[in-house]
C-alpha atoms as a PDB file:
ATOM      1  CA  UNK A   1      33.016   1.973 -57.994  1.00  0.00           C
ATOM      2  CA  UNK A   2      34.038   5.515 -56.216  1.00  0.00           C
ATOM      3  CA  UNK A   3      38.262   5.613 -56.991  1.00  0.00           C
ATOM      4  CA  UNK A   4      39.775   4.947 -53.355  1.00  0.00           C
ATOM      5  CA  UNK A   5      43.720   5.520 -52.516  1.00  0.00           C
ATOM      6  CA  UNK A   6      43.685   3.288 -48.907  1.00  0.00           C
ATOM      7  CA  UNK A   7      47.539   3.718 -47.177  1.00  0.00           C
ATOM      8  CA  UNK A   8      47.927   1.405 -44.223  1.00  0.00           C
ATOM      9  CA  UNK A   9      50.904   1.668 -43.006  1.00  0.00           C
ATOM     10  CA  UNK A  10      53.306  -0.985 -41.669  1.00  0.00           C
ATOM     11  CA  UNK A  11      53.149  -0.363 -37.548  1.00  0.00           C
ATOM     12  CA  UNK A  12      49.418  -1.268 -38.512  1.00  0.00           C
ATOM     13  CA  UNK A  13      49.456  -4.297 -39.134  1.00  0.00           C
ATOM     14  CA  UNK A  14      48.910  -7.109 -36.708  1.00  0.00           C
ATOM     15  CA  UNK A  15      51.561  -8.962 -35.321  1.00  0.00           C
ATOM     16  CA  UNK A  16      52.496 -12.901 -34.712  1.00  0.00           C
ATOM     17  CA  UNK A  17      55.280 -13.028 -32.252  1.00  0.00           C
ATOM     18  CA  UNK A  18      56.899 -16.212 -31.414  1.00  0.00           C
ATOM     19  CA  UNK A  19      60.208 -17.781 -30.405  1.00  0.00           C
ATOM     20  CA  UNK A  20      60.976 -18.275 -33.974  1.00  0.00           C
ATOM     21  CA  UNK A  21      58.354 -16.469 -36.240  1.00  0.00           C
ATOM     22  CA  UNK A  22      58.113 -12.780 -36.699  1.00  0.00           C
ATOM     23  CA  UNK A  23      54.793 -12.187 -39.028  1.00  0.00           C
ATOM     24  CA  UNK A  24      52.761  -9.188 -39.651  1.00  0.00           C
ATOM     25  CA  UNK A  25      49.630  -9.765 -41.402  1.00  0.00           C
ATOM     26  CA  UNK A  26      47.734  -6.939 -43.828  1.00  0.00           C
ATOM     27  CA  UNK A  27      44.735  -8.892 -43.385  1.00  0.00           C
ATOM     28  CA  UNK A  28      42.986 -10.553 -40.718  1.00  0.00           C
ATOM     29  CA  UNK A  29      44.410 -13.985 -40.256  1.00  0.00           C
ATOM     30  CA  UNK A  30      44.646 -16.617 -37.467  1.00  0.00           C
ATOM     31  CA  UNK A  31      43.414 -15.594 -34.200  1.00  0.00           C
ATOM     32  CA  UNK A  32      43.795 -11.712 -35.387  1.00  0.00           C
ATOM     33  CA  UNK A  33      40.226 -11.245 -37.002  1.00  0.00           C
ATOM     34  CA  UNK A  34      38.688  -7.717 -37.933  1.00  0.00           C
ATOM     35  CA  UNK A  35      35.306  -7.875 -39.451  1.00  0.00           C
ATOM     36  CA  UNK A  36      36.442  -4.582 -41.751  1.00  0.00           C
ATOM     37  CA  UNK A  37      40.017  -6.056 -43.074  1.00  0.00           C
ATOM     38  CA  UNK A  38      38.685  -9.453 -44.405  1.00  0.00           C
ATOM     39  CA  UNK A  39      40.144  -8.899 -47.892  1.00  0.00           C
ATOM     40  CA  UNK A  40      40.475  -6.608 -50.963  1.00  0.00           C
ATOM     41  CA  UNK A  41      39.377  -7.441 -54.312  1.00  0.00           C
ATOM     42  CA  UNK A  42      40.229 -10.830 -54.901  1.00  0.00           C
ATOM     43  CA  UNK A  43      43.003 -11.001 -52.108  1.00  0.00           C
ATOM     44  CA  UNK A  44      42.650 -12.877 -48.582  1.00  0.00           C
ATOM     45  CA  UNK A  45      46.249 -12.534 -47.249  1.00  0.00           C
ATOM     46  CA  UNK A  46      49.616 -10.781 -47.534  1.00  0.00           C
ATOM     47  CA  UNK A  47      51.969 -12.046 -44.477  1.00  0.00           C
ATOM     48  CA  UNK A  48      55.022 -10.902 -44.116  1.00  0.00           C
ATOM     49  CA  UNK A  49      57.314 -13.025 -42.445  1.00  0.00           C
ATOM     50  CA  UNK A  50      60.450 -14.014 -40.869  1.00  0.00           C
ATOM     51  CA  UNK A  51      61.692 -17.433 -39.450  1.00  0.00           C
ATOM     52  CA  UNK A  52      64.336 -18.159 -37.697  1.00  0.00           C
ATOM     53  CA  UNK A  53      67.174 -20.601 -38.500  1.00  0.00           C
ATOM     54  CA  UNK A  54      66.103 -24.561 -38.654  1.00  0.00           C
ATOM     55  CA  UNK A  55      62.783 -23.799 -37.702  1.00  0.00           C
ATOM     56  CA  UNK A  56      59.469 -23.124 -39.802  1.00  0.00           C
ATOM     57  CA  UNK A  57      55.742 -24.237 -40.039  1.00  0.00           C
ATOM     58  CA  UNK A  58      55.167 -27.972 -40.143  1.00  0.00           C
ATOM     59  CA  UNK A  59      53.061 -30.130 -42.151  1.00  0.00           C
ATOM     60  CA  UNK A  60      49.615 -28.331 -42.135  1.00  0.00           C
ATOM     61  CA  UNK A  61      46.248 -28.586 -44.371  1.00  0.00           C
ATOM     62  CA  UNK A  62      44.893 -25.593 -46.744  1.00  0.00           C
ATOM     63  CA  UNK A  63      42.252 -25.870 -49.005  1.00  0.00           C
ATOM     64  CA  UNK A  64      40.603 -23.725 -51.746  1.00  0.00           C
ATOM     65  CA  UNK A  65      43.338 -21.450 -52.380  1.00  0.00           C
ATOM     66  CA  UNK A  66      46.203 -20.599 -54.451  1.00  0.00           C
ATOM     67  CA  UNK A  67      48.895 -19.558 -52.321  1.00  0.00           C
ATOM     68  CA  UNK A  68      51.767 -17.708 -53.898  1.00  0.00           C
ATOM     69  CA  UNK A  69      54.794 -17.261 -52.042  1.00  0.00           C
ATOM     70  CA  UNK A  70      58.025 -14.489 -52.723  1.00  0.00           C
ATOM     71  CA  UNK A  71      61.247 -14.563 -50.849  1.00  0.00           C
ATOM     72  CA  UNK A  72      63.117 -11.649 -49.954  1.00  0.00           C
ATOM     73  CA  UNK A  73      66.509 -12.785 -48.017  1.00  0.00           C
ATOM     74  CA  UNK A  74      67.302 -16.617 -47.630  1.00  0.00           C
ATOM     75  CA  UNK A  75      65.537 -20.067 -48.757  1.00  0.00           C
ATOM     76  CA  UNK A  76      62.779 -21.787 -47.887  1.00  0.00           C
ATOM     77  CA  UNK A  77      61.859 -25.856 -47.872  1.00  0.00           C
ATOM     78  CA  UNK A  78      58.426 -26.549 -49.436  1.00  0.00           C
ATOM     79  CA  UNK A  79      57.188 -30.353 -49.006  1.00  0.00           C
ATOM     80  CA  UNK A  80      53.995 -31.117 -49.650  1.00  0.00           C
ATOM     81  CA  UNK A  81      51.423 -34.135 -49.672  1.00  0.00           C
ATOM     82  CA  UNK A  82      51.356 -34.280 -53.667  1.00  0.00           C
ATOM     83  CA  UNK A  83      54.956 -35.297 -53.524  1.00  0.00           C
ATOM     84  CA  UNK A  84      56.332 -32.092 -54.721  1.00  0.00           C
ATOM     85  CA  UNK A  85      59.494 -30.154 -52.657  1.00  0.00           C
ATOM     86  CA  UNK A  86      61.804 -27.442 -53.430  1.00  0.00           C
ATOM     87  CA  UNK A  87      63.925 -24.516 -52.165  1.00  0.00           C
ATOM     88  CA  UNK A  88      62.563 -21.353 -52.911  1.00  0.00           C
ATOM     89  CA  UNK A  89      64.512 -18.699 -52.928  1.00  0.00           C
ATOM     90  CA  UNK A  90      65.090 -14.820 -54.091  1.00  0.00           C
ATOM     91  CA  UNK A  91      63.867 -14.418 -57.958  1.00  0.00           C
ATOM     92  CA  UNK A  92      61.804 -18.125 -57.336  1.00  0.00           C
ATOM     93  CA  UNK A  93      58.447 -17.667 -57.834  1.00  0.00           C
ATOM     94  CA  UNK A  94      56.237 -20.568 -56.356  1.00  0.00           C
ATOM     95  CA  UNK A  95      52.647 -21.432 -56.306  1.00  0.00           C
ATOM     96  CA  UNK A  96      50.869 -23.757 -54.726  1.00  0.00           C
ATOM     97  CA  UNK A  97      46.899 -24.685 -55.643  1.00  0.00           C
ATOM     98  CA  UNK A  98      45.454 -25.925 -52.762  1.00  0.00           C
ATOM     99  CA  UNK A  99      42.698 -27.455 -54.481  1.00  0.00           C
ATOM    100  CA  UNK A 100      40.462 -29.895 -52.962  1.00  0.00           C
ATOM    101  CA  UNK A 101      42.751 -30.240 -50.174  1.00  0.00           C
ATOM    102  CA  UNK A 102      46.845 -30.586 -49.587  1.00  0.00           C
ATOM    103  CA  UNK A 103      49.282 -30.877 -46.519  1.00  0.00           C
ATOM    104  CA  UNK A 104      52.521 -28.697 -46.538  1.00  0.00           C
ATOM    105  CA  UNK A 105      55.532 -27.383 -44.504  1.00  0.00           C
ATOM    106  CA  UNK A 106      58.117 -24.442 -45.059  1.00  0.00           C
ATOM    107  CA  UNK A 107      61.206 -24.259 -43.284  1.00  0.00           C
ATOM    108  CA  UNK A 108      64.205 -22.798 -42.973  1.00  0.00           C
ATOM    109  CA  UNK A 109      66.276 -25.875 -43.556  1.00  0.00           C
ATOM    110  CA  UNK A 110      68.525 -26.786 -46.479  1.00  0.00           C
ATOM    111  CA  UNK A 111      69.135 -30.012 -48.434  1.00  0.00           C
ATOM    112  CA  UNK A 112      72.948 -31.426 -49.237  1.00  0.00           C
ATOM    113  CA  UNK A 113      74.062 -34.452 -50.455  1.00  0.00           C
ATOM    114  CA  UNK A 114      74.424 -35.668 -46.680  1.00  0.00           C
ATOM    115  CA  UNK A 115      70.921 -34.731 -45.639  1.00  0.00           C
ATOM    116  CA  UNK A 116      69.106 -31.835 -44.237  1.00  0.00           C
ATOM    117  CA  UNK A 117      71.150 -29.008 -42.101  1.00  0.00           C
ATOM    118  CA  UNK A 118      69.705 -25.864 -40.632  1.00  0.00           C
ATOM    119  CA  UNK A 119      70.305 -22.515 -42.173  1.00  0.00           C
ATOM    120  CA  UNK A 120      72.492 -19.879 -40.365  1.00  0.00           C
ATOM    121  CA  UNK A 121      70.080 -16.875 -41.270  1.00  0.00           C
ATOM    122  CA  UNK A 122      66.764 -16.242 -41.214  1.00  0.00           C
ATOM    123  CA  UNK A 123      64.438 -16.178 -44.609  1.00  0.00           C
ATOM    124  CA  UNK A 124      62.189 -13.370 -45.079  1.00  0.00           C
ATOM    125  CA  UNK A 125      59.201 -13.760 -47.559  1.00  0.00           C
ATOM    126  CA  UNK A 126      56.104 -12.812 -48.118  1.00  0.00           C
ATOM    127  CA  UNK A 127      52.922 -15.042 -48.713  1.00  0.00           C
ATOM    128  CA  UNK A 128      49.995 -13.732 -50.207  1.00  0.00           C
ATOM    129  CA  UNK A 129      46.432 -15.748 -50.954  1.00  0.00           C
ATOM    130  CA  UNK A 130      44.101 -15.230 -53.570  1.00  0.00           C
ATOM    131  CA  UNK A 131      41.040 -17.226 -54.092  1.00  0.00           C
ATOM    132  CA  UNK A 132      40.690 -19.472 -56.862  1.00  0.00           C
ATOM    133  CA  UNK A 133      37.957 -19.317 -59.972  1.00  0.00           C
ATOM    134  CA  UNK A 134      36.818 -22.803 -59.110  1.00  0.00           C
ATOM    135  CA  UNK A 135      36.552 -24.419 -55.867  1.00  0.00           C
ATOM    136  CA  UNK A 136      37.331 -28.572 -55.346  1.00  0.00           C
ATOM    137  CA  UNK A 137      40.324 -28.707 -58.101  1.00  0.00           C
ATOM    138  CA  UNK A 138      43.123 -31.327 -57.852  1.00  0.00           C
ATOM    139  CA  UNK A 139      45.667 -29.397 -55.875  1.00  0.00           C
ATOM    140  CA  UNK A 140      49.106 -28.536 -57.651  1.00  0.00           C
ATOM    141  CA  UNK A 141      52.355 -26.935 -57.492  1.00  0.00           C
ATOM    142  CA  UNK A 142      54.499 -24.417 -59.761  1.00  0.00           C
ATOM    143  CA  UNK A 143      57.729 -22.734 -59.512  1.00  0.00           C
ATOM    144  CA  UNK A 144      59.684 -20.389 -61.816  1.00  0.00           C
ATOM    145  CA  UNK A 145      62.992 -18.645 -61.984  1.00  0.00           C
ATOM    146  CA  UNK A 146      62.174 -15.078 -62.438  1.00  0.00           C
ATOM    147  CA  UNK A 147      64.946 -13.720 -64.073  1.00  0.00           C
ATOM    148  CA  UNK A 148      66.744 -10.935 -61.983  1.00  0.00           C
ATOM    149  CA  UNK A 149      67.035  -8.168 -64.698  1.00  0.00           C
ATOM    150  CA  UNK A 150      63.413  -8.706 -65.677  1.00  0.00           C
ATOM    151  CA  UNK A 151      63.028  -7.495 -61.947  1.00  0.00           C
ATOM    152  CA  UNK A 152      65.037  -4.327 -62.423  1.00  0.00           C
ATOM    153  CA  UNK A 153      63.496  -1.257 -63.728  1.00  0.00           C
ATOM    154  CA  UNK A 154      59.530  -2.413 -64.206  1.00  0.00           C
ATOM    155  CA  UNK A 155      57.110  -4.061 -63.255  1.00  0.00           C
ATOM    156  CA  UNK A 156      57.209  -7.911 -64.459  1.00  0.00           C
ATOM    157  CA  UNK A 157      54.361 -10.149 -63.684  1.00  0.00           C
ATOM    158  CA  UNK A 158      54.984 -12.851 -60.801  1.00  0.00           C
ATOM    159  CA  UNK A 159      51.710 -14.847 -61.417  1.00  0.00           C
ATOM    160  CA  UNK A 160      48.710 -14.680 -63.296  1.00  0.00           C
ATOM    161  CA  UNK A 161      45.454 -16.508 -64.397  1.00  0.00           C
ATOM    162  CA  UNK A 162      44.668 -13.514 -66.630  1.00  0.00           C
ATOM    163  CA  UNK A 163      44.433 -14.925 -70.702  1.00  0.00           C
ATOM    164  CA  UNK A 164      46.381 -11.677 -71.242  1.00  0.00           C
ATOM    165  CA  UNK A 165      49.771 -12.676 -69.383  1.00  0.00           C
ATOM    166  CA  UNK A 166      50.045 -15.942 -70.724  1.00  0.00           C
ATOM    167  CA  UNK A 167      52.763 -15.524 -72.882  1.00  0.00           C
ATOM    168  CA  UNK A 168      54.540 -13.468 -70.296  1.00  0.00           C
ATOM    169  CA  UNK A 169      57.031 -14.667 -67.653  1.00  0.00           C
ATOM    170  CA  UNK A 170      54.757 -15.725 -65.055  1.00  0.00           C
ATOM    171  CA  UNK A 171      53.830 -18.617 -62.867  1.00  0.00           C
ATOM    172  CA  UNK A 172      49.891 -19.913 -63.739  1.00  0.00           C
ATOM    173  CA  UNK A 173      47.258 -18.976 -60.880  1.00  0.00           C
ATOM    174  CA  UNK A 174      43.828 -20.375 -60.630  1.00  0.00           C
ATOM    175  CA  UNK A 175      41.638 -17.245 -61.068  1.00  0.00           C
ATOM    176  CA  UNK A 176      41.577 -15.578 -64.416  1.00  0.00           C
ATOM    177  CA  UNK A 177      40.572 -12.094 -62.840  1.00  0.00           C
ATOM    178  CA  UNK A 178      44.091 -11.917 -60.524  1.00  0.00           C
ATOM    179  CA  UNK A 179      47.873 -11.224 -61.305  1.00  0.00           C
ATOM    180  CA  UNK A 180      50.730 -10.366 -59.163  1.00  0.00           C
ATOM    181  CA  UNK A 181      53.808  -7.844 -60.534  1.00  0.00           C
ATOM    182  CA  UNK A 182      56.825  -7.123 -59.071  1.00  0.00           C
ATOM    183  CA  UNK A 183      59.677  -4.823 -59.616  1.00  0.00           C
ATOM    184  CA  UNK A 184      62.968  -4.054 -57.898  1.00  0.00           C
ATOM    185  CA  UNK A 185      63.717  -0.614 -58.300  1.00  0.00           C
ATOM    186  CA  UNK A 186      66.816   1.593 -57.731  1.00  0.00           C
ATOM    187  CA  UNK A 187      66.363   4.994 -56.689  1.00  0.00           C
ATOM    188  CA  UNK A 188      64.862   7.703 -59.309  1.00  0.00           C
ATOM    189  CA  UNK A 189      63.628   4.160 -61.187  1.00  0.00           C
ATOM    190  CA  UNK A 190      59.856   4.948 -61.759  1.00  0.00           C
ATOM    191  CA  UNK A 191      56.861   2.310 -62.868  1.00  0.00           C
ATOM    192  CA  UNK A 192      53.241   3.239 -63.694  1.00  0.00           C
ATOM    193  CA  UNK A 193      50.656   0.895 -61.841  1.00  0.00           C
ATOM    194  CA  UNK A 194      48.197  -0.921 -64.024  1.00  0.00           C
ATOM    195  CA  UNK A 195      43.973  -0.017 -64.286  1.00  0.00           C
ATOM    196  CA  UNK A 196      42.004  -2.406 -62.612  1.00  0.00           C
ATOM    197  CA  UNK A 197      38.996  -2.121 -60.136  1.00  0.00           C
ATOM    198  CA  UNK A 198      41.331  -3.465 -57.492  1.00  0.00           C
ATOM    199  CA  UNK A 199      45.019  -2.849 -57.090  1.00  0.00           C
ATOM    200  CA  UNK A 200      47.012  -3.332 -53.810  1.00  0.00           C
ATOM    201  CA  UNK A 201      50.476  -2.365 -53.277  1.00  0.00           C
ATOM    202  CA  UNK A 202      52.915  -3.766 -50.914  1.00  0.00           C
ATOM    203  CA  UNK A 203      56.280  -2.475 -50.484  1.00  0.00           C
ATOM    204  CA  UNK A 204      58.380  -5.284 -48.398  1.00  0.00           C
ATOM    205  CA  UNK A 205      61.671  -3.686 -48.788  1.00  0.00           C
ATOM    206  CA  UNK A 206      62.988  -0.464 -49.200  1.00  0.00           C
ATOM    207  CA  UNK A 207      60.775   3.067 -49.710  1.00  0.00           C
ATOM    208  CA  UNK A 208      59.030   4.655 -52.599  1.00  0.00           C
ATOM    209  CA  UNK A 209      57.271   8.002 -54.291  1.00  0.00           C
ATOM    210  CA  UNK A 210      53.708   7.078 -54.899  1.00  0.00           C
ATOM    211  CA  UNK A 211      52.330   9.881 -57.032  1.00  0.00           C
ATOM    212  CA  UNK A 212      49.425  12.334 -55.011  1.00  0.00           C
ATOM    213  CA  UNK A 213      50.076  10.620 -51.833  1.00  0.00           C
ATOM    214  CA  UNK A 214      53.483  10.496 -50.993  1.00  0.00           C
ATOM    215  CA  UNK A 215      55.909   8.372 -49.385  1.00  0.00           C
ATOM    216  CA  UNK A 216      55.549   4.507 -48.894  1.00  0.00           C
ATOM    217  CA  UNK A 217      58.258   2.929 -46.409  1.00  0.00           C
ATOM    218  CA  UNK A 218      59.148  -0.943 -46.034  1.00  0.00           C
ATOM    219  CA  UNK A 219      55.710  -2.483 -44.885  1.00  0.00           C
ATOM    220  CA  UNK A 220      53.715  -0.222 -45.838  1.00  0.00           C
ATOM    221  CA  UNK A 221      50.451  -0.937 -48.406  1.00  0.00           C
ATOM    222  CA  UNK A 222      48.456   1.026 -50.527  1.00  0.00           C
ATOM    223  CA  UNK A 223      44.765  -0.533 -51.141  1.00  0.00           C
ATOM    224  CA  UNK A 224      42.859   1.134 -54.769  1.00  0.00           C
ATOM    225  CA  UNK A 225      39.631   0.873 -56.316  1.00  0.00           C
ATOM    226  CA  UNK A 226      38.736   1.851 -59.622  1.00  0.00           C
ATOM    227  CA  UNK A 227      42.258   3.368 -60.229  1.00  0.00           C
ATOM    228  CA  UNK A 228      45.654   3.005 -61.950  1.00  0.00           C
ATOM    229  CA  UNK A 229      48.013   4.574 -63.692  1.00  0.00           C
ATOM    230  CA  UNK A 230      49.668   5.936 -60.453  1.00  0.00           C
ATOM    231  CA  UNK A 231      53.420   6.318 -60.704  1.00  0.00           C
ATOM    232  CA  UNK A 232      55.677   4.640 -58.169  1.00  0.00           C
ATOM    233  CA  UNK A 233      59.554   6.226 -57.979  1.00  0.00           C
ATOM    234  CA  UNK A 234      62.194   5.065 -55.605  1.00  0.00           C
ATOM    235  CA  UNK A 235      63.784   6.839 -53.057  1.00  0.00           C
ATOM    236  CA  UNK A 236      66.252   4.030 -52.111  1.00  0.00           C
ATOM    237  CA  UNK A 237      66.797   0.355 -53.667  1.00  0.00           C
ATOM    238  CA  UNK A 238      63.612  -1.001 -53.526  1.00  0.00           C
ATOM    239  CA  UNK A 239      61.058  -3.730 -53.966  1.00  0.00           C
ATOM    240  CA  UNK A 240      57.463  -3.591 -54.624  1.00  0.00           C
ATOM    241  CA  UNK A 241      54.871  -6.255 -55.153  1.00  0.00           C
ATOM    242  CA  UNK A 242      51.369  -4.952 -57.356  1.00  0.00           C
ATOM    243  CA  UNK A 243      48.505  -7.312 -57.561  1.00  0.00           C
ATOM    244  CA  UNK A 244      45.673  -6.599 -60.428  1.00  0.00           C
ATOM    245  CA  UNK A 245      42.472  -7.581 -59.512  1.00  0.00           C
ATOM    246  CA  UNK A 246      39.548  -7.520 -61.851  1.00  0.00           C
ATOM    247  CA  UNK A 247      36.756  -8.915 -59.833  1.00  0.00           C
ATOM    248  CA  UNK A 248      36.180  -8.860 -55.826  1.00  0.00           C
ATOM    249  CA  UNK A 249      34.712 -11.630 -53.630  1.00  0.00           C
ATOM    250  CA  UNK A 250      31.137 -12.366 -54.066  1.00  0.00           C
ATOM    251  CA  UNK A 251      28.773 -11.442 -51.254  1.00  0.00           C
END
């Protein structure tokens, strides 16, 4: 496999804009289909979503997918057909394993002792899908607080199925070849990317400089093959998400 660095700019992403949703898609999604842009490594979806107050995704099905949700601003209410429910907010990682089939909803609402009420602010989150090792597993759900201090100044493992990450702060995904790392960086902070056959770097907030490639700004992404070790330096307060993948899709 040849080493490549493929920069994808924010403005080039497909977009879904309706009255309650502003969604930008790094890969083919829904009716936005491009045969040349269906995945990178094991990552099939990297959606950058803003949902208006009091609205959201009604109950809908998924199967055989590991879905990781990372909230940047606001909060998101999750409910699913296995009985799990919760509120996801910045610093709380969530993983839903669709397995042989699951129904769920995601809303920009909140729960109080007196019932459900709408939030007054939009919620901004990134939702990422990777394929599982095996199909037909039991559906599952996990959420975990990733301490804010751990996300300042260095890459922290957010979600992983890789055996070497079992003792680190991470939610578990059902693919032993994939891990998601994140960092919150202040200007001048630098992290080094892991080495892997496939890497996906996404900048959901702020701006950074990528060694050998120049500046990346909010919404930009980079797809690496047979690479790693490059330094990423914040040029303003920033957040980055990095998928490390040691396999690609078969076929």
